C-alpha atoms as a PDB file:
ATOM      1  CA  UNK A   1       0.180  -4.408  22.399  1.00  0.00           C
ATOM      2  CA  UNK A   2      -2.879  -3.698  20.280  1.00  0.00           C
ATOM      3  CA  UNK A   3      -1.135  -4.163  16.945  1.00  0.00           C
ATOM      4  CA  UNK A   4       1.818  -6.268  15.831  1.00  0.00           C
ATOM      5  CA  UNK A   5       4.239  -6.074  12.926  1.00  0.00           C
ATOM      6  CA  UNK A   6       3.166  -8.685  10.386  1.00  0.00           C
ATOM      7  CA  UNK A   7       5.958 -10.896   9.032  1.00  0.00           C
ATOM      8  CA  UNK A   8       6.946 -10.646   5.403  1.00  0.00           C
ATOM      9  CA  UNK A   9       5.149 -13.395   3.465  1.00  0.00           C
ATOM     10  CA  UNK A  10       8.437 -14.304   1.706  1.00  0.00           C
ATOM     11  CA  UNK A  11      12.195 -14.000   2.269  1.00  0.00           C
ATOM     12  CA  UNK A  12      13.871 -10.597   2.265  1.00  0.00           C
ATOM     13  CA  UNK A  13      15.693 -11.399  -0.970  1.00  0.00           C
ATOM     14  CA  UNK A  14      12.720 -13.024  -2.701  1.00  0.00           C
ATOM     15  CA  UNK A  15      11.854 -10.002  -4.855  1.00  0.00           C
ATOM     16  CA  UNK A  16      15.337  -9.541  -6.289  1.00  0.00           C
ATOM     17  CA  UNK A  17      16.469  -8.279  -8.713  1.00  0.00           C
ATOM     18  CA  UNK A  18      13.510  -5.886  -8.757  1.00  0.00           C
ATOM     19  CA  UNK A  19      13.623  -4.953  -5.058  1.00  0.00           C
ATOM     20  CA  UNK A  20      16.845  -5.684  -3.210  1.00  0.00           C
ATOM     21  CA  UNK A  21      17.272  -7.543   0.060  1.00  0.00           C
ATOM     22  CA  UNK A  22      18.765  -4.631   2.007  1.00  0.00           C
ATOM     23  CA  UNK A  23      15.863  -2.354   1.085  1.00  0.00           C
ATOM     24  CA  UNK A  24      13.360  -5.012   2.151  1.00  0.00           C
ATOM     25  CA  UNK A  25      15.097  -5.541   5.496  1.00  0.00           C
ATOM     26  CA  UNK A  26      15.221  -1.828   6.303  1.00  0.00           C
ATOM     27  CA  UNK A  27      11.754  -1.138   4.928  1.00  0.00           C
ATOM     28  CA  UNK A  28      10.041  -3.909   6.894  1.00  0.00           C
ATOM     29  CA  UNK A  29      12.151  -4.210  10.044  1.00  0.00           C
ATOM     30  CA  UNK A  30      12.744  -0.486  10.597  1.00  0.00           C
ATOM     31  CA  UNK A  31      10.170   1.667   8.798  1.00  0.00           C
ATOM     32  CA  UNK A  32       7.115  -0.590   9.065  1.00  0.00           C
ATOM     33  CA  UNK A  33       8.044  -1.614  12.606  1.00  0.00           C
ATOM     34  CA  UNK A  34       8.289   2.044  13.622  1.00  0.00           C
ATOM     35  CA  UNK A  35       4.777   2.780  12.339  1.00  0.00           C
ATOM     36  CA  UNK A  36       3.363  -0.093  14.381  1.00  0.00           C
ATOM     37  CA  UNK A  37       5.278   0.931  17.500  1.00  0.00           C
ATOM     38  CA  UNK A  38       4.212   4.571  17.250  1.00  0.00           C
ATOM     39  CA  UNK A  39       0.608   3.583  16.585  1.00  0.00           C
ATOM     40  CA  UNK A  40       0.542   1.494  19.754  1.00  0.00           C
ATOM     41  CA  UNK A  41       2.060   4.376  21.711  1.00  0.00           C
ATOM     42  CA  UNK A  42      -0.596   6.739  20.360  1.00  0.00           C
ATOM     43  CA  UNK A  43      -3.379   4.369  21.444  1.00  0.00           C
ATOM     44  CA  UNK A  44      -2.200   3.957  25.035  1.00  0.00           C
ATOM     45  CA  UNK A  45      -5.089   4.886  27.275  1.00  0.00           C
ATOM     46  CA  UNK A  46      -7.613   4.376  24.454  1.00  0.00           C
ATOM     47  CA  UNK A  47      -8.789   0.824  25.081  1.00  0.00           C
ATOM     48  CA  UNK A  48     -11.816   1.363  22.849  1.00  0.00           C
ATOM     49  CA  UNK A  49      -9.546   2.212  19.917  1.00  0.00           C
ATOM     50  CA  UNK A  50      -7.147  -0.655  20.579  1.00  0.00           C
ATOM     51  CA  UNK A  51      -9.968  -3.107  19.947  1.00  0.00           C
ATOM     52  CA  UNK A  52     -10.659  -1.764  16.452  1.00  0.00           C
ATOM     53  CA  UNK A  53      -9.096  -3.067  13.271  1.00  0.00           C
ATOM     54  CA  UNK A  54      -6.597  -0.950  11.377  1.00  0.00           C
ATOM     55  CA  UNK A  55      -9.145  -0.583   8.593  1.00  0.00           C
ATOM     56  CA  UNK A  56     -11.820   0.697  10.968  1.00  0.00           C
ATOM     57  CA  UNK A  57      -9.408   3.145  12.588  1.00  0.00           C
ATOM     58  CA  UNK A  58      -8.477   4.621   9.215  1.00  0.00           C
ATOM     59  CA  UNK A  59     -12.063   4.715   7.958  1.00  0.00           C
ATOM     60  CA  UNK A  60     -13.121   6.520  11.116  1.00  0.00           C
ATOM     61  CA  UNK A  61     -10.316   9.067  11.400  1.00  0.00           C
ATOM     62  CA  UNK A  62     -12.726  11.974  11.742  1.00  0.00           C
ATOM     63  CA  UNK A  63     -14.360  10.311  14.745  1.00  0.00           C
ATOM     64  CA  UNK A  64     -11.116   9.867  16.675  1.00  0.00           C
ATOM     65  CA  UNK A  65     -10.168  12.135  19.570  1.00  0.00           C
ATOM     66  CA  UNK A  66      -7.925  15.035  18.612  1.00  0.00           C
ATOM     67  CA  UNK A  67      -5.165  13.643  20.809  1.00  0.00           C
ATOM     68  CA  UNK A  68      -4.885  10.492  18.675  1.00  0.00           C
ATOM     69  CA  UNK A  69      -6.094  11.441  15.193  1.00  0.00           C
ATOM     70  CA  UNK A  70      -2.868  12.667  13.598  1.00  0.00           C
ATOM     71  CA  UNK A  71      -0.779   9.824  15.013  1.00  0.00           C
ATOM     72  CA  UNK A  72      -3.317   7.245  13.841  1.00  0.00           C
ATOM     73  CA  UNK A  73      -3.494   8.858  10.407  1.00  0.00           C
ATOM     74  CA  UNK A  74       0.272   8.773   9.992  1.00  0.00           C
ATOM     75  CA  UNK A  75       1.264   5.606  11.828  1.00  0.00           C
ATOM     76  CA  UNK A  76      -1.938   3.594  11.502  1.00  0.00           C
ATOM     77  CA  UNK A  77      -1.931   4.498   7.831  1.00  0.00           C
ATOM     78  CA  UNK A  78       1.687   3.447   7.559  1.00  0.00           C
ATOM     79  CA  UNK A  79       0.992   0.121   9.234  1.00  0.00           C
ATOM     80  CA  UNK A  80      -2.047  -0.615   7.072  1.00  0.00           C
ATOM     81  CA  UNK A  81      -0.472   0.520   3.809  1.00  0.00           C
ATOM     82  CA  UNK A  82       2.514  -1.740   4.332  1.00  0.00           C
ATOM     83  CA  UNK A  83       0.328  -4.696   5.326  1.00  0.00           C
ATOM     84  CA  UNK A  84      -1.299  -4.330   1.907  1.00  0.00           C
ATOM     85  CA  UNK A  85       1.979  -3.621   0.087  1.00  0.00           C
ATOM     86  CA  UNK A  86       3.789  -6.773   1.236  1.00  0.00           C
ATOM     87  CA  UNK A  87       0.907  -9.021   0.177  1.00  0.00           C
ATOM     88  CA  UNK A  88       0.449  -7.141  -3.094  1.00  0.00           C
ATOM     89  CA  UNK A  89       3.866  -8.530  -4.078  1.00  0.00           C
ATOM     90  CA  UNK A  90       5.110 -12.089  -4.616  1.00  0.00           C
ATOM     91  CA  UNK A  91       8.338 -13.725  -5.836  1.00  0.00           C
ATOM     92  CA  UNK A  92       6.358 -15.279  -8.704  1.00  0.00           C
ATOM     93  CA  UNK A  93       4.443 -12.085  -9.410  1.00  0.00           C
ATOM     94  CA  UNK A  94       4.137  -9.989 -12.517  1.00  0.00           C
ATOM     95  CA  UNK A  95       2.355 -10.593 -15.758  1.00  0.00           C
ATOM     96  CA  UNK A  96      -1.275  -9.616 -16.114  1.00  0.00           C
ATOM     97  CA  UNK A  97      -4.412 -10.399 -14.108  1.00  0.00           C
ATOM     98  CA  UNK A  98      -7.209 -12.599 -15.405  1.00  0.00           C
ATOM     99  CA  UNK A  99     -10.925 -13.135 -14.816  1.00  0.00           C
ATOM    100  CA  UNK A 100     -13.286 -10.522 -13.369  1.00  0.00           C
ATOM    101  CA  UNK A 101     -10.420  -8.256 -12.297  1.00  0.00           C
ATOM    102  CA  UNK A 102      -9.071  -8.065 -15.839  1.00  0.00           C
ATOM    103  CA  UNK A 103     -12.578  -7.455 -17.151  1.00  0.00           C
ATOM    104  CA  UNK A 104     -12.960  -4.541 -14.730  1.00  0.00           C
ATOM    105  CA  UNK A 105      -9.565  -3.146 -15.748  1.00  0.00           C
ATOM    106  CA  UNK A 106     -10.574  -3.224 -19.423  1.00  0.00           C
ATOM    107  CA  UNK A 107     -13.878  -1.517 -18.610  1.00  0.00           C
ATOM    108  CA  UNK A 108     -12.188   1.221 -16.597  1.00  0.00           C
ATOM    109  CA  UNK A 109      -9.001   1.815 -18.572  1.00  0.00           C
ATOM    110  CA  UNK A 110      -9.431   0.166 -21.971  1.00  0.00           C
ATOM    111  CA  UNK A 111      -6.576  -2.276 -21.524  1.00  0.00           C
ATOM    112  CA  UNK A 112      -3.923  -3.373 -19.054  1.00  0.00           C
ATOM    113  CA  UNK A 113      -1.177  -1.185 -20.521  1.00  0.00           C
ATOM    114  CA  UNK A 114      -3.317   1.877 -19.867  1.00  0.00           C
ATOM    115  CA  UNK A 115      -3.647   0.885 -16.224  1.00  0.00           C
ATOM    116  CA  UNK A 116       0.136   0.560 -15.971  1.00  0.00           C
ATOM    117  CA  UNK A 117       0.584   3.975 -17.532  1.00  0.00           C
ATOM    118  CA  UNK A 118      -1.887   5.584 -15.132  1.00  0.00           C
ATOM    119  CA  UNK A 119      -0.368   3.916 -12.066  1.00  0.00           C
ATOM    120  CA  UNK A 120       3.161   4.841 -13.135  1.00  0.00           C
ATOM    121  CA  UNK A 121       2.104   8.426 -13.771  1.00  0.00           C
ATOM    122  CA  UNK A 122       0.384   8.641 -10.391  1.00  0.00           C
ATOM    123  CA  UNK A 123       3.437   7.233  -8.618  1.00  0.00           C
ATOM    124  CA  UNK A 124       6.008   9.297 -10.502  1.00  0.00           C
ATOM    125  CA  UNK A 125       3.899  12.428 -10.211  1.00  0.00           C
ATOM    126  CA  UNK A 126       3.277  12.215  -6.467  1.00  0.00           C
ATOM    127  CA  UNK A 127       5.195  15.167  -5.028  1.00  0.00           C
ATOM    128  CA  UNK A 128       7.318  14.049  -2.104  1.00  0.00           C
ATOM    129  CA  UNK A 129       6.346  10.905  -0.246  1.00  0.00           C
ATOM    130  CA  UNK A 130       3.221   8.881  -0.863  1.00  0.00           C
ATOM    131  CA  UNK A 131       1.555   6.033  -2.700  1.00  0.00           C
ATOM    132  CA  UNK A 132      -0.120   5.190  -5.991  1.00  0.00           C
ATOM    133  CA  UNK A 133      -3.214   3.000  -5.762  1.00  0.00           C
ATOM    134  CA  UNK A 134      -5.623   0.978  -7.832  1.00  0.00           C
ATOM    135  CA  UNK A 135      -8.917   1.312  -5.960  1.00  0.00           C
ATOM    136  CA  UNK A 136     -12.527   0.190  -6.189  1.00  0.00           C
ATOM    137  CA  UNK A 137     -15.245   2.748  -5.525  1.00  0.00           C
ATOM    138  CA  UNK A 138     -18.643   2.149  -3.958  1.00  0.00           C
ATOM    139  CA  UNK A 139     -20.102   1.317  -7.374  1.00  0.00           C
ATOM    140  CA  UNK A 140     -17.468  -1.352  -7.988  1.00  0.00           C
ATOM    141  CA  UNK A 141     -15.624   0.720 -10.587  1.00  0.00           C
ATOM    142  CA  UNK A 142     -11.828   0.885 -10.674  1.00  0.00           C
ATOM    143  CA  UNK A 143      -9.892   4.138 -10.374  1.00  0.00           C
ATOM    144  CA  UNK A 144      -6.244   5.115  -9.959  1.00  0.00           C
ATOM    145  CA  UNK A 145      -5.239   7.730  -7.424  1.00  0.00           C
ATOM    146  CA  UNK A 146      -2.222   8.948  -5.508  1.00  0.00           C
ATOM    147  CA  UNK A 147      -2.173   9.670  -1.786  1.00  0.00           C
ATOM    148  CA  UNK A 148       0.319  11.749   0.161  1.00  0.00           C
ATOM    149  CA  UNK A 149       2.440  10.459   3.013  1.00  0.00           C
ATOM    150  CA  UNK A 150       0.723   7.436   4.631  1.00  0.00           C
ATOM    151  CA  UNK A 151      -2.844   8.389   3.729  1.00  0.00           C
ATOM    152  CA  UNK A 152      -5.023   5.478   2.631  1.00  0.00           C
ATOM    153  CA  UNK A 153      -7.916   5.532   0.130  1.00  0.00           C
ATOM    154  CA  UNK A 154     -10.240   4.150   2.815  1.00  0.00           C
ATOM    155  CA  UNK A 155     -10.576   7.671   4.204  1.00  0.00           C
ATOM    156  CA  UNK A 156     -12.245   8.664   0.929  1.00  0.00           C
ATOM    157  CA  UNK A 157     -14.635   5.725   0.851  1.00  0.00           C
ATOM    158  CA  UNK A 158     -12.497   3.780  -1.618  1.00  0.00           C
ATOM    159  CA  UNK A 159     -11.254   0.193  -1.295  1.00  0.00           C
ATOM    160  CA  UNK A 160      -7.497  -0.130  -1.916  1.00  0.00           C
ATOM    161  CA  UNK A 161      -6.674  -3.113  -4.120  1.00  0.00           C
ATOM    162  CA  UNK A 162      -3.090  -2.520  -5.222  1.00  0.00           C
ATOM    163  CA  UNK A 163      -0.639  -0.007  -3.801  1.00  0.00           C
ATOM    164  CA  UNK A 164       2.925   0.931  -4.615  1.00  0.00           C
ATOM    165  CA  UNK A 165       5.020   2.794  -2.072  1.00  0.00           C
ATOM    166  CA  UNK A 166       6.848   5.780  -3.560  1.00  0.00           C
ATOM    167  CA  UNK A 167       8.520   6.977  -0.373  1.00  0.00           C
ATOM    168  CA  UNK A 168      12.253   7.170  -1.026  1.00  0.00           C
ATOM    169  CA  UNK A 169      12.941   4.471   1.560  1.00  0.00           C
ATOM    170  CA  UNK A 170      11.111   2.008  -0.731  1.00  0.00           C
ATOM    171  CA  UNK A 171      13.578   2.324  -3.594  1.00  0.00           C
ATOM    172  CA  UNK A 172      16.471   4.722  -3.019  1.00  0.00           C
ATOM    173  CA  UNK A 173      19.228   2.216  -2.198  1.00  0.00           C
ATOM    174  CA  UNK A 174      18.825   0.519  -5.578  1.00  0.00           C
ATOM    175  CA  UNK A 175      17.277   3.159  -7.814  1.00  0.00           C
ATOM    176  CA  UNK A 176      18.452   6.436  -6.215  1.00  0.00           C
ATOM    177  CA  UNK A 177      16.362   9.250  -7.710  1.00  0.00           C
ATOM    178  CA  UNK A 178      15.050   7.092 -10.582  1.00  0.00           C
ATOM    179  CA  UNK A 179      11.528   6.587  -9.264  1.00  0.00           C
ATOM    180  CA  UNK A 180      10.112   5.752 -12.729  1.00  0.00           C
ATOM    181  CA  UNK A 181      12.640   2.894 -13.076  1.00  0.00           C
ATOM    182  CA  UNK A 182      11.556   1.512  -9.707  1.00  0.00           C
ATOM    183  CA  UNK A 183       7.895   1.704 -10.731  1.00  0.00           C
ATOM    184  CA  UNK A 184       8.574  -0.181 -13.959  1.00  0.00           C
ATOM    185  CA  UNK A 185      10.484  -2.896 -12.106  1.00  0.00           C
ATOM    186  CA  UNK A 186       7.833  -3.175  -9.394  1.00  0.00           C
ATOM    187  CA  UNK A 187       5.264  -4.513 -11.892  1.00  0.00           C
ATOM    188  CA  UNK A 188       7.353  -7.697 -12.051  1.00  0.00           C
ATOM    189  CA  UNK A 189       6.456  -8.384  -8.418  1.00  0.00           C
ATOM    190  CA  UNK A 190       2.690  -7.746  -8.437  1.00  0.00           C
ATOM    191  CA  UNK A 191       0.677 -10.552  -6.829  1.00  0.00           C
ATOM    192  CA  UNK A 192      -2.461 -10.523  -8.966  1.00  0.00           C
ATOM    193  CA  UNK A 193      -4.035 -13.305  -6.921  1.00  0.00           C
ATOM    194  CA  UNK A 194      -3.991 -11.076  -3.854  1.00  0.00           C
ATOM    195  CA  UNK A 195      -5.318  -8.087  -5.823  1.00  0.00           C
ATOM    196  CA  UNK A 196      -8.135 -10.215  -7.263  1.00  0.00           C
ATOM    197  CA  UNK A 197      -9.178 -11.358  -3.774  1.00  0.00           C
ATOM    198  CA  UNK A 198      -9.378  -7.764  -2.620  1.00  0.00           C
ATOM    199  CA  UNK A 199     -11.395  -6.859  -5.701  1.00  0.00           C
ATOM    200  CA  UNK A 200     -13.882  -9.700  -5.202  1.00  0.00           C
ATOM    201  CA  UNK A 201     -14.454  -9.057  -1.480  1.00  0.00           C
END
């Protein structure tokens, strides 16, 4: 197997009450696991691709053979996005970032509340399934963007720092159709230490 399902870095119930245990179990053990399994199936017979990292596969989508490109985009993207998502959250998360990351947020958005508003708007406004991201561009500037389905900002030359999953499977058991409520609650889980490491790399 070229790729494996990463374990959650905390217990299934660790993000309650913001994200419930049943959602975490289904999301990780079923949805994320399926992306990894389907990615490995798509890469059978492509030993050269199996040796690449998920990041390199997604960055190089346009260079992949036609027979694998769509499956890697969807399932490789799903695997990578969730790898980021789980580590972007923590049981002791929430609050506001500090240091260089906070300085960059103030430069880009004016203040932290403006970043929250832009991320929430991107997530709530994404039609259908997708993600909202805080990204760093090639100049080191921060931007907020939404991506559809399991697309990742890497394909646009951006570095994803913080992502929130707005597929219905991420929130529907607890929040039903109230995506904005889920987005507000999700901020209580954000692992700013992880986001800062991604920003500084």
